[in-house]
Amino acid sequence: MDNSDKWSPLHRVRKAVIDSRPSTRLIKSHVPRDLLPVSILETNCKIIYVYRNVKDVMVSLFYMSKGLWEYQHTSPHDNFEHFVEKFVTGQIVFGPYFQHLASFWPHRHDANILLISYESILKDPQAMIKKLAAFMGNRSARRESRRSFRLAALKK
């Protein structure tokens, strides 16, 4: 089912575009587990779920909603305290954060799901690159890890 017309242009990718990409595909999404297509859940599709400290999520989303016109009607962007109230009760763009995280948490030990924190990536990028490469079945993880680590060090 192609429901891309229901999303803003910022988040819209048509099914035909995804289908036209060669395998192996990498698709980024903000969808909670219970809204993923059944075909993804019933196959051995690998899912990497990056979660972040809830305080950082709130601050980031608050400022993002201020800068994008399409979120200004779905998220309070003029008062942070009001935004936090709406965020905690799940009345914010992208829905309830805690339910989103909770949808994946029981599956954190599934062989095809890897949950990692954004903070762990920042703390030890080389270890996280190795972990990601191993999860994806990349045999050249050691070489790629060193290369990626050098690139990450350059960006600091």
N, C-alpha and C. Protein backbone atom coordinates (compact mmCIF):
# COMPACT_ATOMS: atom_id res chain seq x y z
N MET A 1 0.85 -1.18 0.00
CA MET A 1 0.00 0.00 0.00
C MET A 1 0.89 1.24 0.00
N ASP A 2 0.62 2.15 -0.88
CA ASP A 2 1.36 3.39 -0.95
C ASP A 2 0.54 4.49 -0.28
N ASN A 3 0.90 4.84 0.93
CA ASN A 3 0.18 5.90 1.65
C ASN A 3 1.03 7.15 1.78
N SER A 4 1.98 7.34 0.86
CA SER A 4 2.90 8.46 0.97
C SER A 4 2.20 9.81 0.84
N ASP A 5 1.00 9.84 0.27
CA ASP A 5 0.28 11.10 0.16
C ASP A 5 -0.22 11.60 1.52
N LYS A 6 -0.16 10.74 2.53
CA LYS A 6 -0.61 11.11 3.88
C LYS A 6 0.49 11.83 4.67
N TRP A 7 1.70 11.81 4.15
CA TRP A 7 2.85 12.39 4.85
C TRP A 7 3.23 13.72 4.21
N SER A 8 3.91 14.53 4.98
CA SER A 8 4.39 15.80 4.45
C SER A 8 5.50 15.51 3.44
N PRO A 9 5.77 16.44 2.52
CA PRO A 9 6.84 16.22 1.53
C PRO A 9 8.19 15.92 2.19
N LEU A 10 8.41 16.45 3.38
CA LEU A 10 9.66 16.20 4.09
C LEU A 10 9.87 14.72 4.37
N HIS A 11 8.79 13.99 4.64
CA HIS A 11 8.88 12.58 5.02
C HIS A 11 8.33 11.65 3.96
N ARG A 12 8.06 12.15 2.79
CA ARG A 12 7.40 11.36 1.75
C ARG A 12 8.41 10.66 0.85
N VAL A 13 8.30 9.37 0.79
CA VAL A 13 9.05 8.57 -0.18
C VAL A 13 8.05 7.58 -0.76
N ARG A 14 7.85 7.64 -2.03
CA ARG A 14 6.87 6.77 -2.68
C ARG A 14 7.38 5.33 -2.76
N LYS A 15 6.44 4.40 -2.67
CA LYS A 15 6.76 2.98 -2.74
C LYS A 15 7.52 2.65 -4.02
N ALA A 16 7.16 3.27 -5.12
CA ALA A 16 7.83 3.03 -6.40
C ALA A 16 9.32 3.38 -6.32
N VAL A 17 9.65 4.42 -5.57
CA VAL A 17 11.05 4.81 -5.41
C VAL A 17 11.80 3.73 -4.63
N ILE A 18 11.19 3.24 -3.57
CA ILE A 18 11.82 2.18 -2.76
C ILE A 18 11.98 0.92 -3.60
N ASP A 19 10.93 0.55 -4.33
CA ASP A 19 10.98 -0.66 -5.16
C ASP A 19 12.04 -0.58 -6.25
N SER A 20 12.35 0.63 -6.70
CA SER A 20 13.33 0.80 -7.78
C SER A 20 14.77 0.68 -7.30
N ARG A 21 14.99 0.73 -6.02
CA ARG A 21 16.35 0.65 -5.47
C ARG A 21 16.83 -0.80 -5.47
N PRO A 22 18.12 -1.00 -5.75
CA PRO A 22 18.65 -2.37 -5.73
C PRO A 22 18.75 -2.87 -4.29
N SER A 23 18.71 -4.18 -4.14
CA SER A 23 18.93 -4.77 -2.82
C SER A 23 20.41 -4.68 -2.53
N THR A 24 20.83 -4.59 -1.43
CA THR A 24 20.21 -4.45 -0.13
C THR A 24 19.82 -3.00 0.08
N ARG A 25 18.61 -2.79 0.56
CA ARG A 25 18.09 -1.44 0.75
C ARG A 25 18.23 -1.01 2.20
N LEU A 26 18.44 0.26 2.36
CA LEU A 26 18.47 0.85 3.69
C LEU A 26 17.37 1.89 3.72
N ILE A 27 16.42 1.71 4.61
CA ILE A 27 15.28 2.62 4.70
C ILE A 27 15.24 3.19 6.11
N LYS A 28 15.14 4.51 6.20
CA LYS A 28 15.05 5.19 7.49
C LYS A 28 13.58 5.53 7.75
N SER A 29 13.16 5.34 8.99
CA SER A 29 11.76 5.59 9.31
C SER A 29 11.63 6.07 10.75
N HIS A 30 10.55 6.76 11.02
CA HIS A 30 10.20 7.15 12.39
C HIS A 30 8.97 6.38 12.88
N VAL A 31 8.62 5.32 12.18
CA VAL A 31 7.39 4.58 12.46
C VAL A 31 7.58 3.64 13.65
N PRO A 32 6.63 3.63 14.59
CA PRO A 32 6.71 2.65 15.68
C PRO A 32 6.52 1.24 15.14
N ARG A 33 6.97 0.26 15.90
CA ARG A 33 6.96 -1.13 15.43
C ARG A 33 5.57 -1.59 15.01
N ASP A 34 4.56 -1.22 15.76
CA ASP A 34 3.22 -1.70 15.45
C ASP A 34 2.63 -1.09 14.18
N LEU A 35 3.28 -0.09 13.59
CA LEU A 35 2.82 0.47 12.33
C LEU A 35 3.69 0.05 11.14
N LEU A 36 4.70 -0.75 11.40
CA LEU A 36 5.52 -1.25 10.30
C LEU A 36 4.70 -2.23 9.46
N PRO A 37 4.99 -2.32 8.17
CA PRO A 37 4.29 -3.30 7.34
C PRO A 37 4.55 -4.72 7.84
N VAL A 38 3.53 -5.55 7.77
CA VAL A 38 3.63 -6.94 8.21
C VAL A 38 4.76 -7.65 7.47
N SER A 39 4.96 -7.30 6.20
CA SER A 39 6.02 -7.94 5.41
C SER A 39 7.40 -7.72 6.02
N ILE A 40 7.60 -6.60 6.68
CA ILE A 40 8.89 -6.35 7.34
C ILE A 40 9.00 -7.19 8.60
N LEU A 41 7.92 -7.29 9.34
CA LEU A 41 7.95 -8.03 10.60
C LEU A 41 8.00 -9.54 10.40
N GLU A 42 7.44 -10.04 9.31
CA GLU A 42 7.40 -11.48 9.08
C GLU A 42 8.62 -12.01 8.34
N THR A 43 9.42 -11.12 7.81
CA THR A 43 10.66 -11.56 7.15
C THR A 43 11.81 -11.34 8.12
N ASN A 44 12.98 -11.67 7.69
CA ASN A 44 14.15 -11.49 8.54
C ASN A 44 14.81 -10.14 8.27
N CYS A 45 14.01 -9.16 7.95
CA CYS A 45 14.49 -7.81 7.68
C CYS A 45 15.17 -7.28 8.94
N LYS A 46 16.34 -6.71 8.78
CA LYS A 46 17.07 -6.20 9.95
C LYS A 46 16.62 -4.78 10.28
N ILE A 47 16.45 -4.55 11.56
CA ILE A 47 15.98 -3.25 12.04
C ILE A 47 16.98 -2.72 13.05
N ILE A 48 17.47 -1.52 12.79
CA ILE A 48 18.36 -0.84 13.74
C ILE A 48 17.54 0.30 14.33
N TYR A 49 17.36 0.26 15.63
CA TYR A 49 16.56 1.26 16.33
C TYR A 49 17.51 2.09 17.18
N VAL A 50 17.65 3.35 16.82
CA VAL A 50 18.51 4.25 17.59
C VAL A 50 17.60 5.10 18.48
N TYR A 51 17.78 4.96 19.77
CA TYR A 51 16.99 5.77 20.71
C TYR A 51 17.91 6.79 21.37
N ARG A 52 17.29 7.80 21.94
CA ARG A 52 18.06 8.91 22.47
C ARG A 52 17.50 9.33 23.83
N ASN A 53 18.34 9.95 24.64
CA ASN A 53 17.92 10.47 25.93
C ASN A 53 16.67 11.33 25.72
N VAL A 54 15.65 11.08 26.50
CA VAL A 54 14.36 11.74 26.31
C VAL A 54 14.46 13.26 26.42
N LYS A 55 15.35 13.75 27.26
CA LYS A 55 15.52 15.20 27.38
C LYS A 55 16.05 15.79 26.08
N ASP A 56 17.01 15.10 25.48
CA ASP A 56 17.56 15.55 24.20
C ASP A 56 16.50 15.50 23.10
N VAL A 57 15.67 14.46 23.13
CA VAL A 57 14.60 14.34 22.13
C VAL A 57 13.65 15.52 22.25
N MET A 58 13.26 15.85 23.47
CA MET A 58 12.32 16.96 23.67
C MET A 58 12.90 18.28 23.17
N VAL A 59 14.13 18.58 23.55
CA VAL A 59 14.75 19.85 23.15
C VAL A 59 14.90 19.90 21.62
N SER A 60 15.38 18.82 21.04
CA SER A 60 15.58 18.77 19.59
C SER A 60 14.25 18.94 18.85
N LEU A 61 13.23 18.22 19.28
CA LEU A 61 11.93 18.30 18.63
C LEU A 61 11.29 19.67 18.81
N PHE A 62 11.50 20.28 19.96
CA PHE A 62 10.97 21.62 20.20
C PHE A 62 11.54 22.60 19.19
N TYR A 63 12.86 22.58 19.02
CA TYR A 63 13.49 23.52 18.08
C TYR A 63 13.19 23.16 16.63
N MET A 64 13.06 21.88 16.34
CA MET A 64 12.70 21.49 14.98
C MET A 64 11.29 21.99 14.65
N SER A 65 10.38 21.87 15.61
CA SER A 65 9.00 22.31 15.36
C SER A 65 8.92 23.83 15.19
N LYS A 66 9.86 24.54 15.78
CA LYS A 66 9.90 26.00 15.60
C LYS A 66 10.33 26.37 14.19
N GLY A 67 11.22 25.56 13.63
CA GLY A 67 11.80 25.91 12.34
C GLY A 67 11.05 25.41 11.13
N LEU A 68 10.13 24.49 11.31
CA LEU A 68 9.41 23.92 10.17
C LEU A 68 7.93 24.29 10.24
N TRP A 69 7.46 24.98 9.23
CA TRP A 69 6.08 25.46 9.23
C TRP A 69 5.07 24.33 9.42
N GLU A 70 5.36 23.16 8.85
CA GLU A 70 4.39 22.07 8.91
C GLU A 70 4.19 21.52 10.33
N TYR A 71 5.12 21.79 11.23
CA TYR A 71 4.98 21.32 12.61
C TYR A 71 4.42 22.38 13.54
N GLN A 72 4.37 23.60 13.09
CA GLN A 72 3.93 24.68 13.97
C GLN A 72 2.46 24.56 14.35
N HIS A 73 1.70 23.80 13.59
CA HIS A 73 0.28 23.61 13.92
C HIS A 73 0.04 22.32 14.70
N THR A 74 1.05 21.47 14.78
CA THR A 74 0.89 20.19 15.47
C THR A 74 1.69 20.11 16.76
N SER A 75 2.54 21.08 17.00
CA SER A 75 3.36 21.09 18.21
C SER A 75 3.47 22.51 18.72
N PRO A 76 3.25 22.73 20.02
CA PRO A 76 3.44 24.08 20.55
C PRO A 76 4.91 24.47 20.45
N HIS A 77 5.19 25.57 19.80
CA HIS A 77 6.58 25.95 19.56
C HIS A 77 6.95 27.28 20.20
N ASP A 78 6.03 27.84 20.96
CA ASP A 78 6.32 29.14 21.55
C ASP A 78 6.64 29.07 23.04
N ASN A 79 6.34 27.93 23.68
CA ASN A 79 6.54 27.81 25.11
C ASN A 79 7.04 26.40 25.41
N PHE A 80 8.28 26.31 25.90
CA PHE A 80 8.88 24.99 26.12
C PHE A 80 8.13 24.18 27.18
N GLU A 81 7.69 24.83 28.25
CA GLU A 81 6.95 24.10 29.30
C GLU A 81 5.67 23.48 28.74
N HIS A 82 4.97 24.23 27.91
CA HIS A 82 3.76 23.71 27.28
C HIS A 82 4.11 22.55 26.34
N PHE A 83 5.21 22.71 25.63
CA PHE A 83 5.68 21.65 24.72
C PHE A 83 5.97 20.37 25.51
N VAL A 84 6.66 20.50 26.65
CA VAL A 84 7.00 19.34 27.47
C VAL A 84 5.73 18.64 27.95
N GLU A 85 4.74 19.40 28.39
CA GLU A 85 3.46 18.80 28.81
C GLU A 85 2.85 17.98 27.69
N LYS A 86 2.82 18.54 26.49
CA LYS A 86 2.26 17.84 25.33
C LYS A 86 3.11 16.63 24.95
N PHE A 87 4.41 16.78 25.05
CA PHE A 87 5.33 15.68 24.71
C PHE A 87 5.11 14.50 25.66
N VAL A 88 5.09 14.76 26.95
CA VAL A 88 4.96 13.71 27.95
C VAL A 88 3.63 12.96 27.81
N THR A 89 2.60 13.66 27.39
CA THR A 89 1.29 13.01 27.23
C THR A 89 1.07 12.47 25.82
N GLY A 90 2.09 12.57 24.97
CA GLY A 90 2.00 11.99 23.63
C GLY A 90 1.19 12.79 22.64
N GLN A 91 0.94 14.05 22.93
CA GLN A 91 0.13 14.90 22.05
C GLN A 91 1.00 15.80 21.20
N ILE A 92 1.92 15.20 20.50
CA ILE A 92 2.93 15.95 19.78
C ILE A 92 3.16 15.29 18.42
N VAL A 93 3.77 16.01 17.51
CA VAL A 93 4.10 15.44 16.21
C VAL A 93 4.94 14.18 16.41
N PHE A 94 4.73 13.18 15.62
CA PHE A 94 5.35 11.85 15.71
C PHE A 94 4.77 11.01 16.84
N GLY A 95 3.79 11.53 17.56
CA GLY A 95 3.10 10.72 18.55
C GLY A 95 3.86 10.50 19.84
N PRO A 96 3.37 9.58 20.65
CA PRO A 96 3.94 9.36 21.98
C PRO A 96 5.32 8.68 21.93
N TYR A 97 6.33 9.39 22.38
CA TYR A 97 7.71 8.88 22.35
C TYR A 97 7.86 7.61 23.18
N PHE A 98 7.27 7.61 24.36
CA PHE A 98 7.46 6.47 25.26
C PHE A 98 6.81 5.21 24.70
N GLN A 99 5.65 5.35 24.07
CA GLN A 99 5.01 4.19 23.44
C GLN A 99 5.83 3.72 22.24
N HIS A 100 6.42 4.67 21.53
CA HIS A 100 7.26 4.33 20.38
C HIS A 100 8.42 3.46 20.82
N LEU A 101 9.13 3.90 21.84
CA LEU A 101 10.26 3.13 22.37
C LEU A 101 9.77 1.80 22.93
N ALA A 102 8.65 1.82 23.63
CA ALA A 102 8.10 0.60 24.22
C ALA A 102 7.68 -0.42 23.16
N SER A 103 7.38 0.04 21.95
CA SER A 103 6.97 -0.89 20.90
C SER A 103 8.14 -1.77 20.43
N PHE A 104 9.35 -1.27 20.56
CA PHE A 104 10.53 -2.04 20.16
C PHE A 104 11.22 -2.73 21.34
N TRP A 105 11.08 -2.18 22.53
CA TRP A 105 11.84 -2.67 23.68
C TRP A 105 11.68 -4.17 23.94
N PRO A 106 10.48 -4.75 23.90
CA PRO A 106 10.36 -6.19 24.15
C PRO A 106 11.08 -7.05 23.10
N HIS A 107 11.44 -6.46 21.98
CA HIS A 107 12.08 -7.19 20.89
C HIS A 107 13.58 -6.91 20.81
N ARG A 108 14.12 -6.29 21.83
CA ARG A 108 15.53 -5.88 21.81
C ARG A 108 16.49 -7.06 21.72
N HIS A 109 16.05 -8.26 22.06
CA HIS A 109 16.92 -9.43 21.97
C HIS A 109 16.64 -10.27 20.73
N ASP A 110 15.68 -9.85 19.91
CA ASP A 110 15.41 -10.57 18.66
C ASP A 110 16.64 -10.49 17.77
N ALA A 111 16.90 -11.56 17.04
CA ALA A 111 18.11 -11.64 16.21
C ALA A 111 18.15 -10.59 15.11
N ASN A 112 17.00 -10.12 14.66
CA ASN A 112 16.98 -9.16 13.56
C ASN A 112 16.77 -7.71 14.01
N ILE A 113 16.82 -7.47 15.32
CA ILE A 113 16.64 -6.11 15.84
C ILE A 113 17.82 -5.72 16.71
N LEU A 114 18.36 -4.54 16.44
CA LEU A 114 19.46 -4.00 17.24
C LEU A 114 19.03 -2.65 17.79
N LEU A 115 18.96 -2.55 19.10
CA LEU A 115 18.66 -1.29 19.76
C LEU A 115 19.96 -0.71 20.30
N ILE A 116 20.25 0.52 19.91
CA ILE A 116 21.44 1.19 20.42
C ILE A 116 21.08 2.63 20.76
N SER A 117 21.78 3.17 21.72
CA SER A 117 21.51 4.55 22.10
C SER A 117 22.41 5.50 21.31
N TYR A 118 21.87 6.64 21.01
CA TYR A 118 22.62 7.69 20.33
C TYR A 118 23.85 8.07 21.16
N GLU A 119 23.66 8.10 22.46
CA GLU A 119 24.76 8.47 23.36
C GLU A 119 25.90 7.46 23.29
N SER A 120 25.58 6.17 23.11
CA SER A 120 26.64 5.16 23.00
C SER A 120 27.42 5.32 21.70
N ILE A 121 26.76 5.81 20.67
CA ILE A 121 27.45 6.07 19.40
C ILE A 121 28.44 7.20 19.59
N LEU A 122 28.02 8.25 20.29
CA LEU A 122 28.92 9.38 20.53
C LEU A 122 30.07 9.00 21.46
N LYS A 123 29.78 8.16 22.45
CA LYS A 123 30.78 7.78 23.45
C LYS A 123 31.89 6.92 22.85
N ASP A 124 31.52 5.96 22.03
CA ASP A 124 32.51 5.05 21.45
C ASP A 124 32.12 4.69 20.02
N PRO A 125 32.35 5.63 19.09
CA PRO A 125 31.92 5.40 17.71
C PRO A 125 32.54 4.16 17.07
N GLN A 126 33.79 3.88 17.38
CA GLN A 126 34.45 2.73 16.78
C GLN A 126 33.77 1.42 17.22
N ALA A 127 33.46 1.30 18.49
CA ALA A 127 32.79 0.09 18.99
C ALA A 127 31.40 -0.05 18.38
N MET A 128 30.70 1.07 18.23
CA MET A 128 29.35 1.02 17.65
C MET A 128 29.40 0.67 16.16
N ILE A 129 30.40 1.16 15.45
CA ILE A 129 30.54 0.80 14.03
C ILE A 129 30.79 -0.69 13.90
N LYS A 130 31.64 -1.23 14.77
CA LYS A 130 31.90 -2.68 14.75
C LYS A 130 30.62 -3.46 15.06
N LYS A 131 29.87 -2.98 16.04
CA LYS A 131 28.63 -3.65 16.43
C LYS A 131 27.62 -3.62 15.28
N LEU A 132 27.50 -2.47 14.63
CA LEU A 132 26.59 -2.34 13.49
C LEU A 132 27.03 -3.23 12.34
N ALA A 133 28.32 -3.23 12.05
CA ALA A 133 28.85 -4.05 10.95
C ALA A 133 28.61 -5.53 11.23
N ALA A 134 28.84 -5.96 12.46
CA ALA A 134 28.62 -7.36 12.82
C ALA A 134 27.14 -7.72 12.69
N PHE A 135 26.28 -6.83 13.13
CA PHE A 135 24.84 -7.05 13.04
C PHE A 135 24.39 -7.18 11.58
N MET A 136 24.98 -6.36 10.73
CA MET A 136 24.61 -6.38 9.31
C MET A 136 25.31 -7.50 8.54
N GLY A 137 26.24 -8.20 9.21
CA GLY A 137 26.94 -9.31 8.55
C GLY A 137 28.07 -8.86 7.66
N ASN A 138 28.64 -7.71 7.97
CA ASN A 138 29.73 -7.16 7.17
C ASN A 138 31.04 -7.78 7.62
N ARG A 139 31.64 -8.56 6.75
CA ARG A 139 32.89 -9.25 7.09
C ARG A 139 34.09 -8.31 7.11
N SER A 140 33.97 -7.18 6.47
CA SER A 140 35.09 -6.24 6.46
C SER A 140 34.94 -5.19 7.56
N ALA A 141 34.33 -5.59 8.65
CA ALA A 141 34.02 -4.65 9.73
C ALA A 141 35.26 -3.98 10.30
N ARG A 142 36.33 -4.72 10.45
CA ARG A 142 37.54 -4.15 11.06
C ARG A 142 38.10 -3.01 10.21
N ARG A 143 38.23 -3.26 8.90
CA ARG A 143 38.76 -2.24 8.00
C ARG A 143 37.82 -1.03 7.93
N GLU A 144 36.53 -1.29 7.77
CA GLU A 144 35.55 -0.21 7.67
C GLU A 144 35.46 0.56 8.98
N SER A 145 35.60 -0.14 10.09
CA SER A 145 35.54 0.51 11.38
C SER A 145 36.68 1.52 11.53
N ARG A 146 37.88 1.10 11.13
CA ARG A 146 39.02 2.02 11.22
C ARG A 146 38.81 3.24 10.33
N ARG A 147 38.35 2.99 9.11
CA ARG A 147 38.11 4.08 8.15
C ARG A 147 37.04 5.03 8.68
N SER A 148 35.93 4.48 9.16
CA SER A 148 34.84 5.30 9.68
C SER A 148 35.25 6.06 10.92
N PHE A 149 36.07 5.41 11.75
CA PHE A 149 36.54 6.07 12.97
C PHE A 149 37.40 7.28 12.60
N ARG A 150 38.25 7.13 11.58
CA ARG A 150 39.07 8.27 11.14
C ARG A 150 38.18 9.39 10.62
N LEU A 151 37.13 9.04 9.87
CA LEU A 151 36.21 10.05 9.36
C LEU A 151 35.48 10.75 10.50
N ALA A 152 35.06 9.99 11.49
CA ALA A 152 34.36 10.57 12.64
C ALA A 152 35.28 11.51 13.41
N ALA A 153 36.55 11.13 13.54
CA ALA A 153 37.52 11.95 14.27
C ALA A 153 37.75 13.27 13.53
N LEU A 154 37.71 13.24 12.21
CA LEU A 154 37.91 14.46 11.43
C LEU A 154 36.77 15.46 11.63
N LYS A 155 35.58 14.97 11.91
CA LYS A 155 34.42 15.84 12.03
C LYS A 155 34.34 16.55 13.37
N LYS A 156 35.17 16.16 14.33
CA LYS A 156 35.11 16.77 15.66
C LYS A 156 35.69 18.16 15.65
